[in-house]
């Protein structure tokens, strides 16, 4: 397909060939770079096996995703109604 792009990323020293949508290239490359950064961080703990190292990196990103979901939920539940109320007040003031 015309809007797809073949790329190769390297994770833990191993190349992975992917075909992705052109508009996702930056995101995929950034994700691979973030994984490599976390591998470097956890590599200081001297894991004996790359699988253990990758498991710790996966755990890091999974916990980060869960924390982000919690923050989004907080914003949706707590802040959105308040912002909606403020918008109504400001709209009313600007109309008068």
PDB file of N, CA and C in Angstrom:
ATOM      1  N   UNK A   1       0.837  -1.184   0.000  1.00  0.00           N
ATOM      2  CA  UNK A   1       0.000   0.000   0.000  1.00  0.00           C
ATOM      3  C   UNK A   1       0.882   1.247   0.000  1.00  0.00           C
ATOM      4  N   UNK A   2       0.393   2.294  -0.613  1.00  0.00           N
ATOM      5  CA  UNK A   2       1.172   3.505  -0.802  1.00  0.00           C
ATOM      6  C   UNK A   2       1.461   4.244   0.503  1.00  0.00           C
ATOM      7  N   UNK A   3       0.571   4.175   1.469  1.00  0.00           N
ATOM      8  CA  UNK A   3       0.785   4.914   2.709  1.00  0.00           C
ATOM      9  C   UNK A   3       1.474   4.085   3.786  1.00  0.00           C
ATOM     10  N   UNK A   4       2.046   2.954   3.406  1.00  0.00           N
ATOM     11  CA  UNK A   4       2.788   2.132   4.353  1.00  0.00           C
ATOM     12  C   UNK A   4       4.281   2.263   4.080  1.00  0.00           C
ATOM     13  N   UNK A   5       5.055   2.041   5.130  1.00  0.00           N
ATOM     14  CA  UNK A   5       6.489   2.247   5.055  1.00  0.00           C
ATOM     15  C   UNK A   5       7.195   1.083   5.741  1.00  0.00           C
ATOM     16  N   UNK A   6       8.157   0.427   5.070  1.00  0.00           N
ATOM     17  CA  UNK A   6       8.936  -0.597   5.748  1.00  0.00           C
ATOM     18  C   UNK A   6      10.077   0.061   6.538  1.00  0.00           C
ATOM     19  N   UNK A   7      10.202  -0.276   7.804  1.00  0.00           N
ATOM     20  CA  UNK A   7      11.292   0.252   8.628  1.00  0.00           C
ATOM     21  C   UNK A   7      11.908  -0.889   9.413  1.00  0.00           C
ATOM     22  N   UNK A   8      13.088  -0.645   9.924  1.00  0.00           N
ATOM     23  CA  UNK A   8      13.747  -1.589  10.815  1.00  0.00           C
ATOM     24  C   UNK A   8      14.084  -0.850  12.098  1.00  0.00           C
ATOM     25  N   UNK A   9      13.648  -1.408  13.209  1.00  0.00           N
ATOM     26  CA  UNK A   9      14.013  -0.861  14.519  1.00  0.00           C
ATOM     27  C   UNK A   9      14.833  -1.914  15.242  1.00  0.00           C
ATOM     28  N   UNK A  10      15.633  -1.478  16.180  1.00  0.00           N
ATOM     29  CA  UNK A  10      16.452  -2.406  16.945  1.00  0.00           C
ATOM     30  C   UNK A  10      16.058  -2.301  18.408  1.00  0.00           C
ATOM     31  N   UNK A  11      15.769  -3.458  18.989  1.00  0.00           N
ATOM     32  CA  UNK A  11      15.434  -3.537  20.406  1.00  0.00           C
ATOM     33  C   UNK A  11      16.299  -4.619  21.024  1.00  0.00           C
ATOM     34  N   UNK A  12      17.033  -4.245  22.054  1.00  0.00           N
ATOM     35  CA  UNK A  12      17.922  -5.164  22.767  1.00  0.00           C
ATOM     36  C   UNK A  12      18.910  -5.829  21.811  1.00  0.00           C
ATOM     37  N   UNK A  13      19.408  -5.047  20.871  1.00  0.00           N
ATOM     38  CA  UNK A  13      20.409  -5.567  19.953  1.00  0.00           C
ATOM     39  C   UNK A  13      19.874  -6.430  18.827  1.00  0.00           C
ATOM     40  N   UNK A  14      18.579  -6.559  18.731  1.00  0.00           N
ATOM     41  CA  UNK A  14      17.981  -7.403  17.703  1.00  0.00           C
ATOM     42  C   UNK A  14      17.135  -6.539  16.766  1.00  0.00           C
ATOM     43  N   UNK A  15      17.383  -6.641  15.451  1.00  0.00           N
ATOM     44  CA  UNK A  15      16.607  -5.834  14.510  1.00  0.00           C
ATOM     45  C   UNK A  15      15.221  -6.443  14.253  1.00  0.00           C
ATOM     46  N   UNK A  16      14.236  -5.571  14.122  1.00  0.00           N
ATOM     47  CA  UNK A  16      12.873  -5.988  13.812  1.00  0.00           C
ATOM     48  C   UNK A  16      12.412  -5.192  12.593  1.00  0.00           C
ATOM     49  N   UNK A  17      12.025  -5.916  11.573  1.00  0.00           N
ATOM     50  CA  UNK A  17      11.536  -5.294  10.336  1.00  0.00           C
ATOM     51  C   UNK A  17      10.019  -5.177  10.451  1.00  0.00           C
ATOM     52  N   UNK A  18       9.518  -3.961  10.268  1.00  0.00           N
ATOM     53  CA  UNK A  18       8.091  -3.688  10.388  1.00  0.00           C
ATOM     54  C   UNK A  18       7.589  -2.953   9.153  1.00  0.00           C
ATOM     55  N   UNK A  19       6.334  -3.118   8.863  1.00  0.00           N
ATOM     56  CA  UNK A  19       5.661  -2.293   7.865  1.00  0.00           C
ATOM     57  C   UNK A  19       4.567  -1.544   8.602  1.00  0.00           C
ATOM     58  N   UNK A  20       4.692  -0.216   8.585  1.00  0.00           N
ATOM     59  CA  UNK A  20       3.781   0.617   9.367  1.00  0.00           C
ATOM     60  C   UNK A  20       3.195   1.710   8.489  1.00  0.00           C
ATOM     61  N   UNK A  21       2.150   2.340   8.967  1.00  0.00           N
ATOM     62  CA  UNK A  21       1.591   3.507   8.282  1.00  0.00           C
ATOM     63  C   UNK A  21       2.610   4.644   8.375  1.00  0.00           C
ATOM     64  N   UNK A  22       2.763   5.397   7.310  1.00  0.00           N
ATOM     65  CA  UNK A  22       3.753   6.488   7.276  1.00  0.00           C
ATOM     66  C   UNK A  22       3.575   7.460   8.444  1.00  0.00           C
ATOM     67  N   UNK A  23       2.346   7.739   8.791  1.00  0.00           N
ATOM     68  CA  UNK A  23       2.113   8.709   9.858  1.00  0.00           C
ATOM     69  C   UNK A  23       2.426   8.154  11.251  1.00  0.00           C
ATOM     70  N   UNK A  24       2.757   6.880  11.355  1.00  0.00           N
ATOM     71  CA  UNK A  24       3.124   6.274  12.635  1.00  0.00           C
ATOM     72  C   UNK A  24       4.637   6.131  12.811  1.00  0.00           C
ATOM     73  N   UNK A  25       5.395   6.464  11.783  1.00  0.00           N
ATOM     74  CA  UNK A  25       6.843   6.231  11.847  1.00  0.00           C
ATOM     75  C   UNK A  25       7.500   6.924  13.032  1.00  0.00           C
ATOM     76  N   UNK A  26       7.205   8.185  13.236  1.00  0.00           N
ATOM     77  CA  UNK A  26       7.829   8.926  14.327  1.00  0.00           C
ATOM     78  C   UNK A  26       7.494   8.304  15.681  1.00  0.00           C
ATOM     79  N   UNK A  27       6.244   7.907  15.847  1.00  0.00           N
ATOM     80  CA  UNK A  27       5.815   7.310  17.110  1.00  0.00           C
ATOM     81  C   UNK A  27       6.518   5.976  17.350  1.00  0.00           C
ATOM     82  N   UNK A  28       6.596   5.130  16.319  1.00  0.00           N
ATOM     83  CA  UNK A  28       7.224   3.816  16.459  1.00  0.00           C
ATOM     84  C   UNK A  28       8.714   3.971  16.765  1.00  0.00           C
ATOM     85  N   UNK A  29       9.378   4.877  16.059  1.00  0.00           N
ATOM     86  CA  UNK A  29      10.811   5.091  16.314  1.00  0.00           C
ATOM     87  C   UNK A  29      11.046   5.657  17.712  1.00  0.00           C
ATOM     88  N   UNK A  30      10.173   6.553  18.145  1.00  0.00           N
ATOM     89  CA  UNK A  30      10.299   7.106  19.492  1.00  0.00           C
ATOM     90  C   UNK A  30      10.062   6.019  20.543  1.00  0.00           C
ATOM     91  N   UNK A  31       9.090   5.151  20.302  1.00  0.00           N
ATOM     92  CA  UNK A  31       8.822   4.047  21.233  1.00  0.00           C
ATOM     93  C   UNK A  31      10.036   3.129  21.331  1.00  0.00           C
ATOM     94  N   UNK A  32      10.631   2.798  20.193  1.00  0.00           N
ATOM     95  CA  UNK A  32      11.823   1.941  20.199  1.00  0.00           C
ATOM     96  C   UNK A  32      12.967   2.615  20.947  1.00  0.00           C
ATOM     97  N   UNK A  33      13.103   3.925  20.757  1.00  0.00           N
ATOM     98  CA  UNK A  33      14.151   4.672  21.461  1.00  0.00           C
ATOM     99  C   UNK A  33      13.902   4.665  22.970  1.00  0.00           C
ATOM    100  N   UNK A  34      12.634   4.818  23.367  1.00  0.00           N
ATOM    101  CA  UNK A  34      12.287   4.762  24.794  1.00  0.00           C
ATOM    102  C   UNK A  34      12.574   3.390  25.392  1.00  0.00           C
ATOM    103  N   UNK A  35      12.281   2.347  24.635  1.00  0.00           N
ATOM    104  CA  UNK A  35      12.575   0.985  25.104  1.00  0.00           C
ATOM    105  C   UNK A  35      14.074   0.817  25.300  1.00  0.00           C
ATOM    106  N   UNK A  36      14.849   1.274  24.330  1.00  0.00           N
ATOM    107  CA  UNK A  36      16.310   1.174  24.436  1.00  0.00           C
ATOM    108  C   UNK A  36      16.827   1.955  25.645  1.00  0.00           C
ATOM    109  N   UNK A  37      16.241   3.116  25.912  1.00  0.00           N
ATOM    110  CA  UNK A  37      16.653   3.906  27.072  1.00  0.00           C
ATOM    111  C   UNK A  37      16.363   3.155  28.368  1.00  0.00           C
ATOM    112  N   UNK A  38      15.203   2.517  28.439  1.00  0.00           N
ATOM    113  CA  UNK A  38      14.866   1.752  29.646  1.00  0.00           C
ATOM    114  C   UNK A  38      15.757   0.520  29.780  1.00  0.00           C
ATOM    115  N   UNK A  39      16.080  -0.098  28.663  1.00  0.00           N
ATOM    116  CA  UNK A  39      17.001  -1.244  28.704  1.00  0.00           C
ATOM    117  C   UNK A  39      18.340  -0.796  29.277  1.00  0.00           C
ATOM    118  N   UNK A  40      18.812   0.370  28.841  1.00  0.00           N
ATOM    119  CA  UNK A  40      20.075   0.900  29.371  1.00  0.00           C
ATOM    120  C   UNK A  40      19.967   1.159  30.870  1.00  0.00           C
ATOM    121  N   UNK A  41      18.821   1.710  31.271  1.00  0.00           N
ATOM    122  CA  UNK A  41      18.609   1.989  32.698  1.00  0.00           C
ATOM    123  C   UNK A  41      18.638   0.702  33.521  1.00  0.00           C
ATOM    124  N   UNK A  42      17.863  -0.290  33.108  1.00  0.00           N
ATOM    125  CA  UNK A  42      17.805  -1.547  33.850  1.00  0.00           C
ATOM    126  C   UNK A  42      19.041  -2.400  33.635  1.00  0.00           C
ATOM    127  N   UNK A  43      19.799  -2.140  32.593  1.00  0.00           N
ATOM    128  CA  UNK A  43      21.032  -2.881  32.334  1.00  0.00           C
ATOM    129  C   UNK A  43      22.062  -2.682  33.433  1.00  0.00           C
ATOM    130  N   UNK A  44      21.945  -1.587  34.179  1.00  0.00           N
ATOM    131  CA  UNK A  44      22.865  -1.328  35.279  1.00  0.00           C
ATOM    132  C   UNK A  44      22.669  -2.311  36.427  1.00  0.00           C
ATOM    133  N   UNK A  45      21.527  -2.997  36.440  1.00  0.00           N
ATOM    134  CA  UNK A  45      21.250  -3.959  37.507  1.00  0.00           C
ATOM    135  C   UNK A  45      21.820  -5.338  37.206  1.00  0.00           C
ATOM    136  N   UNK A  46      22.499  -5.477  36.106  1.00  0.00           N
ATOM    137  CA  UNK A  46      23.217  -6.709  35.743  1.00  0.00           C
ATOM    138  C   UNK A  46      22.320  -7.945  35.681  1.00  0.00           C
ATOM    139  N   UNK A  47      21.230  -7.837  34.904  1.00  0.00           N
ATOM    140  CA  UNK A  47      20.409  -9.014  34.661  1.00  0.00           C
ATOM    141  C   UNK A  47      21.223  -9.995  33.832  1.00  0.00           C
ATOM    142  N   UNK A  48      21.105 -11.260  34.151  1.00  0.00           N
ATOM    143  CA  UNK A  48      21.904 -12.266  33.461  1.00  0.00           C
ATOM    144  C   UNK A  48      21.341 -12.640  32.096  1.00  0.00           C
ATOM    145  N   UNK A  49      20.084 -12.320  31.863  1.00  0.00           N
ATOM    146  CA  UNK A  49      19.417 -12.733  30.633  1.00  0.00           C
ATOM    147  C   UNK A  49      18.665 -11.538  30.048  1.00  0.00           C
ATOM    148  N   UNK A  50      18.742 -11.358  28.743  1.00  0.00           N
ATOM    149  CA  UNK A  50      18.020 -10.253  28.109  1.00  0.00           C
ATOM    150  C   UNK A  50      16.517 -10.389  28.289  1.00  0.00           C
ATOM    151  N   UNK A  51      16.024 -11.602  28.410  1.00  0.00           N
ATOM    152  CA  UNK A  51      14.589 -11.789  28.618  1.00  0.00           C
ATOM    153  C   UNK A  51      14.169 -11.174  29.955  1.00  0.00           C
ATOM    154  N   UNK A  52      15.000 -11.334  30.988  1.00  0.00           N
ATOM    155  CA  UNK A  52      14.708 -10.717  32.283  1.00  0.00           C
ATOM    156  C   UNK A  52      14.710  -9.192  32.156  1.00  0.00           C
ATOM    157  N   UNK A  53      15.673  -8.689  31.425  1.00  0.00           N
ATOM    158  CA  UNK A  53      15.775  -7.254  31.207  1.00  0.00           C
ATOM    159  C   UNK A  53      14.549  -6.730  30.462  1.00  0.00           C
ATOM    160  N   UNK A  54      14.137  -7.418  29.412  1.00  0.00           N
ATOM    161  CA  UNK A  54      12.949  -7.016  28.654  1.00  0.00           C
ATOM    162  C   UNK A  54      11.683  -7.130  29.496  1.00  0.00           C
ATOM    163  N   UNK A  55      11.632  -8.110  30.384  1.00  0.00           N
ATOM    164  CA  UNK A  55      10.478  -8.251  31.272  1.00  0.00           C
ATOM    165  C   UNK A  55      10.375  -7.042  32.206  1.00  0.00           C
ATOM    166  N   UNK A  56      11.501  -6.573  32.724  1.00  0.00           N
ATOM    167  CA  UNK A  56      11.489  -5.405  33.599  1.00  0.00           C
ATOM    168  C   UNK A  56      11.084  -4.138  32.833  1.00  0.00           C
ATOM    169  N   UNK A  57      11.543  -4.029  31.599  1.00  0.00           N
ATOM    170  CA  UNK A  57      11.158  -2.884  30.767  1.00  0.00           C
ATOM    171  C   UNK A  57       9.659  -2.949  30.469  1.00  0.00           C
ATOM    172  N   UNK A  58       9.148  -4.137  30.163  1.00  0.00           N
ATOM    173  CA  UNK A  58       7.709  -4.292  29.913  1.00  0.00           C
ATOM    174  C   UNK A  58       6.910  -3.922  31.165  1.00  0.00           C
ATOM    175  N   UNK A  59       7.389  -4.332  32.329  1.00  0.00           N
ATOM    176  CA  UNK A  59       6.722  -3.987  33.582  1.00  0.00           C
ATOM    177  C   UNK A  59       6.730  -2.474  33.798  1.00  0.00           C
ATOM    178  N   UNK A  60       7.838  -1.845  33.501  1.00  0.00           N
ATOM    179  CA  UNK A  60       7.934  -0.386  33.629  1.00  0.00           C
ATOM    180  C   UNK A  60       6.876   0.306  32.767  1.00  0.00           C
ATOM    181  N   UNK A  61       6.795  -0.085  31.493  1.00  0.00           N
ATOM    182  CA  UNK A  61       5.843   0.563  30.596  1.00  0.00           C
ATOM    183  C   UNK A  61       4.397   0.204  30.943  1.00  0.00           C
ATOM    184  N   UNK A  62       4.160  -0.990  31.425  1.00  0.00           N
ATOM    185  CA  UNK A  62       2.801  -1.377  31.823  1.00  0.00           C
ATOM    186  C   UNK A  62       2.344  -0.559  33.031  1.00  0.00           C
ATOM    187  N   UNK A  63       3.215  -0.391  34.024  1.00  0.00           N
ATOM    188  CA  UNK A  63       2.834   0.410  35.190  1.00  0.00           C
ATOM    189  C   UNK A  63       2.662   1.873  34.809  1.00  0.00           C
ATOM    190  N   UNK A  64       3.476   2.366  33.893  1.00  0.00           N
ATOM    191  CA  UNK A  64       3.320   3.744  33.413  1.00  0.00           C
ATOM    192  C   UNK A  64       1.971   3.924  32.718  1.00  0.00           C
ATOM    193  N   UNK A  65       1.580   2.952  31.918  1.00  0.00           N
ATOM    194  CA  UNK A  65       0.291   3.023  31.211  1.00  0.00           C
ATOM    195  C   UNK A  65      -0.866   3.023  32.205  1.00  0.00           C
ATOM    196  N   UNK A  66      -0.776   2.198  33.229  1.00  0.00           N
ATOM    197  CA  UNK A  66      -1.834   2.141  34.244  1.00  0.00           C
ATOM    198  C   UNK A  66      -1.920   3.471  34.996  1.00  0.00           C
ATOM    199  N   UNK A  67      -0.761   4.048  35.340  1.00  0.00           N
ATOM    200  CA  UNK A  67      -0.760   5.355  36.007  1.00  0.00           C
ATOM    201  C   UNK A  67      -1.367   6.424  35.113  1.00  0.00           C
ATOM    202  N   UNK A  68      -1.053   6.385  33.830  1.00  0.00           N
ATOM    203  CA  UNK A  68      -1.627   7.356  32.891  1.00  0.00           C
ATOM    204  C   UNK A  68      -3.134   7.182  32.776  1.00  0.00           C
ATOM    205  N   UNK A  69      -3.607   5.948  32.778  1.00  0.00           N
ATOM    206  CA  UNK A  69      -5.050   5.698  32.736  1.00  0.00           C
ATOM    207  C   UNK A  69      -5.727   6.281  33.972  1.00  0.00           C
ATOM    208  N   UNK A  70      -5.070   6.150  35.122  1.00  0.00           N
ATOM    209  CA  UNK A  70      -5.624   6.706  36.357  1.00  0.00           C
ATOM    210  C   UNK A  70      -5.715   8.223  36.282  1.00  0.00           C
ATOM    211  N   UNK A  71      -4.688   8.858  35.718  1.00  0.00           N
ATOM    212  CA  UNK A  71      -4.710  10.312  35.585  1.00  0.00           C
ATOM    213  C   UNK A  71      -5.814  10.757  34.634  1.00  0.00           C
ATOM    214  N   UNK A  72      -5.978  10.067  33.528  1.00  0.00           N
ATOM    215  CA  UNK A  72      -7.032  10.406  32.569  1.00  0.00           C
ATOM    216  C   UNK A  72      -8.398  10.227  33.223  1.00  0.00           C
ATOM    217  N   UNK A  73      -8.546   9.157  33.984  1.00  0.00           N
ATOM    218  CA  UNK A  73      -9.807   8.919  34.679  1.00  0.00           C
ATOM    219  C   UNK A  73     -10.091  10.041  35.672  1.00  0.00           C
ATOM    220  N   UNK A  74      -9.075  10.479  36.396  1.00  0.00           N
ATOM    221  CA  UNK A  74      -9.239  11.579  37.352  1.00  0.00           C
ATOM    222  C   UNK A  74      -9.687  12.840  36.629  1.00  0.00           C
ATOM    223  N   UNK A  75      -9.037  13.154  35.530  1.00  0.00           N
ATOM    224  CA  UNK A  75      -9.398  14.358  34.770  1.00  0.00           C
ATOM    225  C   UNK A  75     -10.832  14.249  34.287  1.00  0.00           C
ATOM    226  N   UNK A  76     -11.188  13.088  33.765  1.00  0.00           N
ATOM    227  CA  UNK A  76     -12.543  12.897  33.235  1.00  0.00           C
ATOM    228  C   UNK A  76     -13.588  13.017  34.344  1.00  0.00           C
ATOM    229  N   UNK A  77     -13.338  12.368  35.468  1.00  0.00           N
ATOM    230  CA  UNK A  77     -14.307  12.365  36.558  1.00  0.00           C
ATOM    231  C   UNK A  77     -14.338  13.675  37.323  1.00  0.00           C
ATOM    232  N   UNK A  78     -13.180  14.226  37.623  1.00  0.00           N
ATOM    233  CA  UNK A  78     -13.118  15.365  38.544  1.00  0.00           C
ATOM    234  C   UNK A  78     -13.011  16.723  37.876  1.00  0.00           C
ATOM    235  N   UNK A  79     -12.164  16.820  36.887  1.00  0.00           N
ATOM    236  CA  UNK A  79     -11.917  18.132  36.310  1.00  0.00           C
ATOM    237  C   UNK A  79     -12.889  18.513  35.208  1.00  0.00           C
ATOM    238  N   UNK A  80     -13.316  17.571  34.417  1.00  0.00           N
ATOM    239  CA  UNK A  80     -14.206  17.896  33.299  1.00  0.00           C
ATOM    240  C   UNK A  80     -15.495  18.578  33.735  1.00  0.00           C
ATOM    241  N   UNK A  81     -16.185  18.083  34.760  1.00  0.00           N
ATOM    242  CA  UNK A  81     -17.411  18.785  35.182  1.00  0.00           C
ATOM    243  C   UNK A  81     -17.129  20.220  35.639  1.00  0.00           C
ATOM    244  N   UNK A  82     -16.028  20.416  36.347  1.00  0.00           N
ATOM    245  CA  UNK A  82     -15.669  21.755  36.817  1.00  0.00           C
ATOM    246  C   UNK A  82     -15.356  22.666  35.637  1.00  0.00           C
ATOM    247  N   UNK A  83     -14.609  22.143  34.669  1.00  0.00           N
ATOM    248  CA  UNK A  83     -14.290  22.937  33.485  1.00  0.00           C
ATOM    249  C   UNK A  83     -15.548  23.253  32.676  1.00  0.00           C
ATOM    250  N   UNK A  84     -16.464  22.318  32.619  1.00  0.00           N
ATOM    251  CA  UNK A  84     -17.733  22.561  31.923  1.00  0.00           C
ATOM    252  C   UNK A  84     -18.511  23.672  32.617  1.00  0.00           C
ATOM    253  N   UNK A  85     -18.550  23.633  33.944  1.00  0.00           N
ATOM    254  CA  UNK A  85     -19.231  24.687  34.704  1.00  0.00           C
ATOM    255  C   UNK A  85     -18.575  26.045  34.463  1.00  0.00           C
ATOM    256  N   UNK A  86     -17.248  26.097  34.477  1.00  0.00           N
ATOM    257  CA  UNK A  86     -16.534  27.343  34.223  1.00  0.00           C
ATOM    258  C   UNK A  86     -16.817  27.860  32.818  1.00  0.00           C
ATOM    259  N   UNK A  87     -16.874  26.956  31.863  1.00  0.00           N
ATOM    260  CA  UNK A  87     -17.178  27.345  30.489  1.00  0.00           C
ATOM    261  C   UNK A  87     -18.565  27.966  30.400  1.00  0.00           C
ATOM    262  N   UNK A  88     -19.523  27.364  31.076  1.00  0.00           N
ATOM    263  CA  UNK A  88     -20.891  27.909  31.078  1.00  0.00           C
ATOM    264  C   UNK A  88     -20.918  29.307  31.683  1.00  0.00           C
ATOM    265  N   UNK A  89     -20.203  29.486  32.797  1.00  0.00           N
ATOM    266  CA  UNK A  89     -20.164  30.800  33.460  1.00  0.00           C
ATOM    267  C   UNK A  89     -19.524  31.842  32.541  1.00  0.00           C
ATOM    268  N   UNK A  90     -18.388  31.487  31.947  1.00  0.00           N
ATOM    269  CA  UNK A  90     -17.705  32.418  31.051  1.00  0.00           C
ATOM    270  C   UNK A  90     -18.532  32.741  29.812  1.00  0.00           C
ATOM    271  N   UNK A  91     -19.192  31.752  29.271  1.00  0.00           N
ATOM    272  CA  UNK A  91     -20.052  31.975  28.102  1.00  0.00           C
ATOM    273  C   UNK A  91     -21.172  32.929  28.461  1.00  0.00           C
ATOM    274  N   UNK A  92     -21.776  32.740  29.625  1.00  0.00           N
ATOM    275  CA  UNK A  92     -22.868  33.604  30.059  1.00  0.00           C
ATOM    276  C   UNK A  92     -22.379  35.032  30.261  1.00  0.00           C
ATOM    277  N   UNK A  93     -21.218  35.193  30.886  1.00  0.00           N
ATOM    278  CA  UNK A  93     -20.654  36.523  31.141  1.00  0.00           C
ATOM    279  C   UNK A  93     -20.330  37.226  29.816  1.00  0.00           C
ATOM    280  N   UNK A  94     -19.770  36.483  28.882  1.00  0.00           N
ATOM    281  CA  UNK A  94     -19.405  37.070  27.589  1.00  0.00           C
ATOM    282  C   UNK A  94     -20.628  37.429  26.745  1.00  0.00           C
ATOM    283  N   UNK A  95     -21.721  36.718  26.933  1.00  0.00           N
ATOM    284  CA  UNK A  95     -22.949  37.024  26.200  1.00  0.00           C
ATOM    285  C   UNK A  95     -23.626  38.268  26.729  1.00  0.00           C
ATOM    286  N   UNK A  96     -23.451  38.552  28.007  1.00  0.00           N
ATOM    287  CA  UNK A  96     -24.123  39.716  28.626  1.00  0.00           C
ATOM    288  C   UNK A  96     -23.450  41.011  28.299  1.00  0.00           C
TER     289      UNK A  96
END
